N, C-alpha and C. Protein backbone atom coordinates (compact mmCIF):
# COMPACT_ATOMS: atom_id res chain seq x y z
N MET A 1 0.85 -1.19 0.00
CA MET A 1 0.00 0.00 0.00
C MET A 1 0.89 1.25 0.00
N SER A 2 0.70 2.14 -0.95
CA SER A 2 1.55 3.33 -1.01
C SER A 2 0.93 4.47 -0.20
N LYS A 3 1.84 5.27 0.35
CA LYS A 3 1.38 6.43 1.11
C LYS A 3 0.96 7.53 0.14
N ARG A 4 -0.07 8.26 0.51
CA ARG A 4 -0.55 9.37 -0.31
C ARG A 4 0.50 10.49 -0.30
N LYS A 5 0.73 11.06 -1.48
CA LYS A 5 1.65 12.19 -1.57
C LYS A 5 1.05 13.37 -0.82
N LYS A 6 1.87 14.11 -0.11
CA LYS A 6 1.40 15.33 0.53
C LYS A 6 1.14 16.37 -0.55
N SER A 7 0.08 17.15 -0.37
CA SER A 7 -0.30 18.13 -1.39
C SER A 7 0.03 19.55 -0.94
N VAL A 8 0.44 20.36 -1.93
CA VAL A 8 0.81 21.75 -1.67
C VAL A 8 0.06 22.64 -2.65
N LEU A 9 -0.55 23.69 -2.14
CA LEU A 9 -1.17 24.73 -2.96
C LEU A 9 -0.25 25.94 -2.93
N VAL A 10 0.28 26.32 -4.10
CA VAL A 10 1.18 27.47 -4.20
C VAL A 10 0.38 28.63 -4.79
N ILE A 11 0.34 29.74 -4.05
CA ILE A 11 -0.44 30.90 -4.49
C ILE A 11 0.50 32.09 -4.69
N ASP A 12 0.66 32.50 -5.94
CA ASP A 12 1.54 33.62 -6.28
C ASP A 12 1.12 34.14 -7.64
N ASP A 13 1.17 35.45 -7.84
CA ASP A 13 0.75 36.02 -9.13
C ASP A 13 1.88 36.02 -10.15
N ASP A 14 3.08 35.63 -9.77
CA ASP A 14 4.23 35.61 -10.66
C ASP A 14 4.38 34.19 -11.24
N LYS A 15 4.14 34.08 -12.57
CA LYS A 15 4.18 32.76 -13.22
C LYS A 15 5.54 32.07 -13.06
N SER A 16 6.63 32.83 -13.09
CA SER A 16 7.95 32.21 -12.96
C SER A 16 8.16 31.66 -11.55
N VAL A 17 7.62 32.34 -10.55
CA VAL A 17 7.69 31.84 -9.17
C VAL A 17 6.87 30.55 -9.06
N LEU A 18 5.69 30.54 -9.65
CA LEU A 18 4.84 29.34 -9.63
C LEU A 18 5.55 28.15 -10.28
N ARG A 19 6.16 28.40 -11.45
CA ARG A 19 6.88 27.32 -12.16
C ARG A 19 8.05 26.80 -11.31
N THR A 20 8.81 27.73 -10.72
CA THR A 20 9.97 27.35 -9.92
C THR A 20 9.54 26.55 -8.69
N PHE A 21 8.56 27.04 -7.95
CA PHE A 21 8.09 26.33 -6.76
C PHE A 21 7.50 24.97 -7.13
N ARG A 22 6.75 24.91 -8.23
CA ARG A 22 6.16 23.65 -8.67
C ARG A 22 7.28 22.63 -8.91
N ARG A 23 8.32 23.05 -9.64
CA ARG A 23 9.44 22.16 -9.97
C ARG A 23 10.13 21.67 -8.70
N ILE A 24 10.44 22.59 -7.80
CA ILE A 24 11.12 22.25 -6.53
C ILE A 24 10.29 21.26 -5.73
N LEU A 25 9.01 21.56 -5.57
CA LEU A 25 8.13 20.74 -4.73
C LEU A 25 7.84 19.38 -5.35
N GLU A 26 7.66 19.33 -6.67
CA GLU A 26 7.42 18.04 -7.32
C GLU A 26 8.65 17.15 -7.21
N LYS A 27 9.85 17.75 -7.37
CA LYS A 27 11.09 16.97 -7.18
C LYS A 27 11.20 16.48 -5.75
N GLY A 28 10.62 17.23 -4.82
CA GLY A 28 10.63 16.85 -3.41
C GLY A 28 9.56 15.81 -3.07
N GLY A 29 8.77 15.40 -4.07
CA GLY A 29 7.79 14.35 -3.86
C GLY A 29 6.39 14.81 -3.50
N TYR A 30 6.11 16.11 -3.71
CA TYR A 30 4.79 16.64 -3.37
C TYR A 30 3.88 16.71 -4.59
N ASP A 31 2.58 16.63 -4.34
CA ASP A 31 1.55 16.83 -5.35
C ASP A 31 1.25 18.33 -5.32
N VAL A 32 1.45 19.04 -6.43
CA VAL A 32 1.39 20.51 -6.43
C VAL A 32 0.27 21.05 -7.30
N GLU A 33 -0.48 22.00 -6.74
CA GLU A 33 -1.47 22.79 -7.49
C GLU A 33 -1.03 24.24 -7.36
N VAL A 34 -1.31 25.05 -8.37
CA VAL A 34 -0.96 26.47 -8.30
C VAL A 34 -2.18 27.34 -8.52
N ALA A 35 -2.12 28.55 -7.97
CA ALA A 35 -3.18 29.55 -8.15
C ALA A 35 -2.53 30.91 -8.27
N GLU A 36 -3.05 31.74 -9.18
CA GLU A 36 -2.47 33.07 -9.40
C GLU A 36 -3.20 34.17 -8.65
N THR A 37 -4.38 33.87 -8.11
CA THR A 37 -5.15 34.88 -7.38
C THR A 37 -5.70 34.26 -6.10
N GLY A 38 -6.12 35.13 -5.20
CA GLY A 38 -6.75 34.66 -3.97
C GLY A 38 -8.04 33.93 -4.27
N LYS A 39 -8.81 34.45 -5.22
CA LYS A 39 -10.09 33.82 -5.59
C LYS A 39 -9.87 32.41 -6.12
N GLU A 40 -8.90 32.25 -7.00
CA GLU A 40 -8.58 30.93 -7.56
C GLU A 40 -8.11 29.99 -6.45
N ALA A 41 -7.31 30.52 -5.54
CA ALA A 41 -6.82 29.70 -4.41
C ALA A 41 -7.97 29.21 -3.54
N MET A 42 -8.95 30.09 -3.28
CA MET A 42 -10.10 29.70 -2.45
C MET A 42 -10.92 28.62 -3.14
N GLN A 43 -11.09 28.74 -4.47
CA GLN A 43 -11.84 27.72 -5.22
C GLN A 43 -11.14 26.37 -5.14
N LYS A 44 -9.82 26.37 -5.35
CA LYS A 44 -9.07 25.11 -5.32
C LYS A 44 -9.06 24.51 -3.92
N ALA A 45 -8.92 25.36 -2.89
CA ALA A 45 -8.90 24.88 -1.51
C ALA A 45 -10.26 24.32 -1.11
N SER A 46 -11.34 24.89 -1.65
CA SER A 46 -12.68 24.39 -1.35
C SER A 46 -12.94 23.06 -2.03
N ALA A 47 -12.36 22.88 -3.21
CA ALA A 47 -12.58 21.67 -4.00
C ALA A 47 -11.86 20.45 -3.43
N ARG A 48 -10.73 20.68 -2.77
CA ARG A 48 -9.96 19.56 -2.19
C ARG A 48 -9.10 20.07 -1.05
N GLY A 49 -8.72 19.18 -0.18
CA GLY A 49 -7.88 19.57 0.94
C GLY A 49 -6.40 19.60 0.56
N PHE A 50 -5.64 20.45 1.19
CA PHE A 50 -4.20 20.54 0.97
C PHE A 50 -3.49 20.39 2.30
N ASP A 51 -2.29 19.81 2.25
CA ASP A 51 -1.48 19.67 3.46
C ASP A 51 -0.72 20.95 3.75
N VAL A 52 -0.36 21.67 2.69
CA VAL A 52 0.43 22.90 2.83
C VAL A 52 -0.11 23.96 1.87
N ALA A 53 -0.15 25.20 2.34
CA ALA A 53 -0.47 26.33 1.47
C ALA A 53 0.70 27.31 1.53
N LEU A 54 1.28 27.58 0.38
CA LEU A 54 2.39 28.52 0.25
C LEU A 54 1.80 29.78 -0.34
N ILE A 55 1.70 30.84 0.45
CA ILE A 55 0.91 32.01 0.07
C ILE A 55 1.78 33.26 -0.07
N ASP A 56 1.73 33.87 -1.26
CA ASP A 56 2.43 35.13 -1.47
C ASP A 56 1.64 36.22 -0.75
N LEU A 57 2.33 37.17 -0.15
CA LEU A 57 1.66 38.24 0.58
C LEU A 57 0.88 39.16 -0.36
N ARG A 58 1.47 39.44 -1.52
CA ARG A 58 0.83 40.38 -2.45
C ARG A 58 0.23 39.64 -3.64
N LEU A 59 -1.08 39.63 -3.69
CA LEU A 59 -1.81 39.01 -4.79
C LEU A 59 -2.61 40.09 -5.51
N PRO A 60 -2.98 39.86 -6.77
CA PRO A 60 -3.67 40.92 -7.51
C PRO A 60 -5.05 41.29 -6.98
N ASP A 61 -5.76 40.33 -6.38
CA ASP A 61 -7.13 40.61 -5.96
C ASP A 61 -7.29 40.78 -4.45
N MET A 62 -6.29 40.41 -3.66
CA MET A 62 -6.33 40.58 -2.20
C MET A 62 -4.94 40.30 -1.66
N ASP A 63 -4.68 40.70 -0.43
CA ASP A 63 -3.37 40.32 0.09
C ASP A 63 -3.46 38.97 0.79
N GLY A 64 -2.30 38.38 0.99
CA GLY A 64 -2.24 37.03 1.54
C GLY A 64 -2.90 36.89 2.90
N THR A 65 -2.84 37.95 3.72
CA THR A 65 -3.47 37.87 5.04
C THR A 65 -4.99 37.85 4.91
N GLU A 66 -5.51 38.59 3.93
CA GLU A 66 -6.95 38.58 3.68
C GLU A 66 -7.37 37.18 3.19
N LEU A 67 -6.55 36.59 2.34
CA LEU A 67 -6.82 35.23 1.85
C LEU A 67 -6.86 34.24 3.03
N LEU A 68 -5.91 34.38 3.95
CA LEU A 68 -5.89 33.50 5.12
C LEU A 68 -7.21 33.58 5.88
N LEU A 69 -7.70 34.80 6.05
CA LEU A 69 -8.94 35.01 6.78
C LEU A 69 -10.13 34.40 6.02
N LYS A 70 -10.22 34.69 4.71
CA LYS A 70 -11.34 34.21 3.90
C LYS A 70 -11.32 32.70 3.70
N ALA A 71 -10.12 32.11 3.65
CA ALA A 71 -10.01 30.68 3.35
C ALA A 71 -9.72 29.85 4.60
N LYS A 72 -9.94 30.44 5.76
CA LYS A 72 -9.64 29.75 7.02
C LYS A 72 -10.27 28.36 7.07
N GLU A 73 -11.55 28.27 6.71
CA GLU A 73 -12.25 27.00 6.78
C GLU A 73 -11.77 26.02 5.69
N SER A 74 -11.62 26.50 4.45
CA SER A 74 -11.23 25.59 3.37
C SER A 74 -9.77 25.15 3.48
N LEU A 75 -8.92 25.96 4.09
CA LEU A 75 -7.52 25.55 4.28
C LEU A 75 -7.38 24.67 5.53
N GLY A 76 -8.37 24.75 6.40
CA GLY A 76 -8.39 23.89 7.58
C GLY A 76 -7.09 23.86 8.35
N ASP A 77 -6.57 22.65 8.57
CA ASP A 77 -5.34 22.54 9.36
C ASP A 77 -4.09 22.42 8.48
N ALA A 78 -4.18 22.89 7.23
CA ALA A 78 -3.01 22.90 6.35
C ALA A 78 -1.92 23.76 6.99
N VAL A 79 -0.67 23.41 6.74
CA VAL A 79 0.45 24.26 7.16
C VAL A 79 0.41 25.48 6.25
N LYS A 80 0.36 26.67 6.85
CA LYS A 80 0.26 27.90 6.08
C LYS A 80 1.60 28.64 6.15
N ILE A 81 2.22 28.83 4.98
CA ILE A 81 3.51 29.50 4.90
C ILE A 81 3.33 30.76 4.06
N MET A 82 3.59 31.92 4.67
CA MET A 82 3.48 33.20 3.97
C MET A 82 4.86 33.56 3.43
N ILE A 83 4.90 33.92 2.15
CA ILE A 83 6.15 34.30 1.51
C ILE A 83 6.01 35.72 0.99
N THR A 84 7.03 36.53 1.21
CA THR A 84 6.97 37.90 0.71
C THR A 84 8.34 38.39 0.26
N GLY A 85 8.32 39.27 -0.71
CA GLY A 85 9.53 39.92 -1.16
C GLY A 85 9.67 41.29 -0.51
N ALA A 86 8.64 41.71 0.20
CA ALA A 86 8.63 43.02 0.85
C ALA A 86 8.20 42.87 2.31
N PRO A 87 9.10 42.32 3.15
CA PRO A 87 8.72 42.07 4.54
C PRO A 87 8.59 43.35 5.36
N SER A 88 7.70 43.31 6.34
CA SER A 88 7.59 44.40 7.30
C SER A 88 7.08 43.81 8.61
N VAL A 89 7.32 44.51 9.68
CA VAL A 89 6.85 44.04 10.99
C VAL A 89 5.33 43.95 10.99
N ASP A 90 4.66 44.96 10.38
CA ASP A 90 3.20 44.98 10.33
C ASP A 90 2.62 43.76 9.62
N THR A 91 3.15 43.47 8.41
CA THR A 91 2.60 42.34 7.67
C THR A 91 2.95 41.02 8.35
N GLY A 92 4.13 40.94 8.92
CA GLY A 92 4.51 39.72 9.65
C GLY A 92 3.60 39.46 10.83
N THR A 93 3.32 40.50 11.59
CA THR A 93 2.45 40.38 12.76
C THR A 93 1.03 40.03 12.33
N LYS A 94 0.55 40.71 11.29
CA LYS A 94 -0.81 40.46 10.81
C LYS A 94 -0.94 39.01 10.32
N ALA A 95 0.06 38.54 9.58
CA ALA A 95 0.03 37.17 9.06
C ALA A 95 0.00 36.16 10.21
N LEU A 96 0.83 36.38 11.21
CA LEU A 96 0.85 35.47 12.36
C LEU A 96 -0.47 35.52 13.12
N ASP A 97 -1.06 36.72 13.23
CA ASP A 97 -2.37 36.86 13.88
C ASP A 97 -3.46 36.09 13.12
N GLU A 98 -3.33 36.00 11.79
CA GLU A 98 -4.34 35.32 10.97
C GLU A 98 -4.09 33.81 10.88
N GLY A 99 -3.08 33.32 11.58
CA GLY A 99 -2.89 31.87 11.64
C GLY A 99 -1.81 31.29 10.75
N VAL A 100 -0.94 32.13 10.20
CA VAL A 100 0.15 31.60 9.38
C VAL A 100 1.13 30.87 10.30
N ASP A 101 1.66 29.74 9.83
CA ASP A 101 2.59 28.96 10.63
C ASP A 101 4.02 29.46 10.51
N VAL A 102 4.37 29.96 9.30
CA VAL A 102 5.72 30.44 9.05
C VAL A 102 5.63 31.66 8.12
N TYR A 103 6.50 32.64 8.37
CA TYR A 103 6.57 33.85 7.55
C TYR A 103 8.00 33.92 7.03
N ILE A 104 8.18 33.75 5.71
CA ILE A 104 9.54 33.77 5.16
C ILE A 104 9.68 34.81 4.06
N VAL A 105 10.94 35.19 3.81
CA VAL A 105 11.25 36.26 2.86
C VAL A 105 11.89 35.68 1.60
N LYS A 106 11.43 36.15 0.44
CA LYS A 106 12.03 35.77 -0.84
C LYS A 106 13.40 36.45 -0.95
N PRO A 107 14.35 35.90 -1.63
CA PRO A 107 14.33 34.60 -2.31
C PRO A 107 14.49 33.46 -1.29
N VAL A 108 13.90 32.32 -1.64
CA VAL A 108 13.93 31.15 -0.78
C VAL A 108 14.80 30.08 -1.45
N LYS A 109 15.74 29.53 -0.72
CA LYS A 109 16.57 28.45 -1.28
C LYS A 109 15.73 27.18 -1.33
N PRO A 110 15.79 26.43 -2.44
CA PRO A 110 14.98 25.22 -2.59
C PRO A 110 15.14 24.23 -1.43
N GLU A 111 16.36 23.96 -1.02
CA GLU A 111 16.56 22.99 0.06
C GLU A 111 15.98 23.49 1.39
N GLU A 112 16.04 24.81 1.60
CA GLU A 112 15.46 25.37 2.83
C GLU A 112 13.94 25.25 2.81
N LEU A 113 13.34 25.49 1.65
CA LEU A 113 11.89 25.39 1.52
C LEU A 113 11.43 23.95 1.77
N LEU A 114 12.10 22.99 1.15
CA LEU A 114 11.74 21.58 1.31
C LEU A 114 11.91 21.12 2.76
N SER A 115 13.01 21.53 3.40
CA SER A 115 13.21 21.09 4.79
C SER A 115 12.22 21.77 5.74
N LEU A 116 11.87 23.03 5.45
CA LEU A 116 10.88 23.74 6.27
C LEU A 116 9.52 23.05 6.17
N ILE A 117 9.11 22.69 4.97
CA ILE A 117 7.82 22.02 4.78
C ILE A 117 7.83 20.66 5.48
N ALA A 118 8.89 19.90 5.28
CA ALA A 118 8.99 18.58 5.91
C ALA A 118 8.93 18.70 7.42
N GLU A 119 9.61 19.70 7.97
CA GLU A 119 9.62 19.92 9.42
C GLU A 119 8.23 20.28 9.93
N LYS A 120 7.53 21.15 9.21
CA LYS A 120 6.20 21.57 9.63
C LYS A 120 5.16 20.46 9.50
N LEU A 121 5.38 19.54 8.56
CA LEU A 121 4.46 18.42 8.37
C LEU A 121 4.67 17.30 9.40
N LYS A 122 5.87 17.24 9.99
CA LYS A 122 6.18 16.17 10.96
C LYS A 122 5.15 16.01 12.06
N PRO A 123 4.80 17.08 12.78
CA PRO A 123 3.82 16.91 13.86
C PRO A 123 2.50 16.33 13.37
N LYS A 124 2.10 16.64 12.13
CA LYS A 124 0.82 16.17 11.59
C LYS A 124 0.89 14.69 11.23
N THR A 125 2.07 14.20 10.82
CA THR A 125 2.19 12.79 10.45
C THR A 125 2.47 11.92 11.67
N ALA A 126 2.92 12.53 12.76
CA ALA A 126 3.25 11.77 13.97
C ALA A 126 1.99 11.37 14.75
N VAL A 127 0.88 12.07 14.49
CA VAL A 127 -0.36 11.81 15.24
C VAL A 127 -1.00 10.50 14.86
């Protein structure tokens, strides 16, 4: 019996970032879906469950913290990782207040991203 691949929803409006993250995560053994807007992310999260959500802070239709709030139910207990190229104390605090598990700054090294996700998923697989 094979174990189900862990699934990751990557939300970013930059197509090259989506392609890069998809490649990194698929090589890491994850099932990857991508979304370019908050609305698209909410639709995909409602349609199926994800183990991890990788959320860009700045999206064309809403910011990542607003997405966290709106998609709280559909993202459920997924590991939520906020990624930004423009960090600030305000956005970091707001993201953590909205339930983000990790707040990281671009650029992200592939091996660091994979080890961070694996580490955050450990408590969920140990139960």
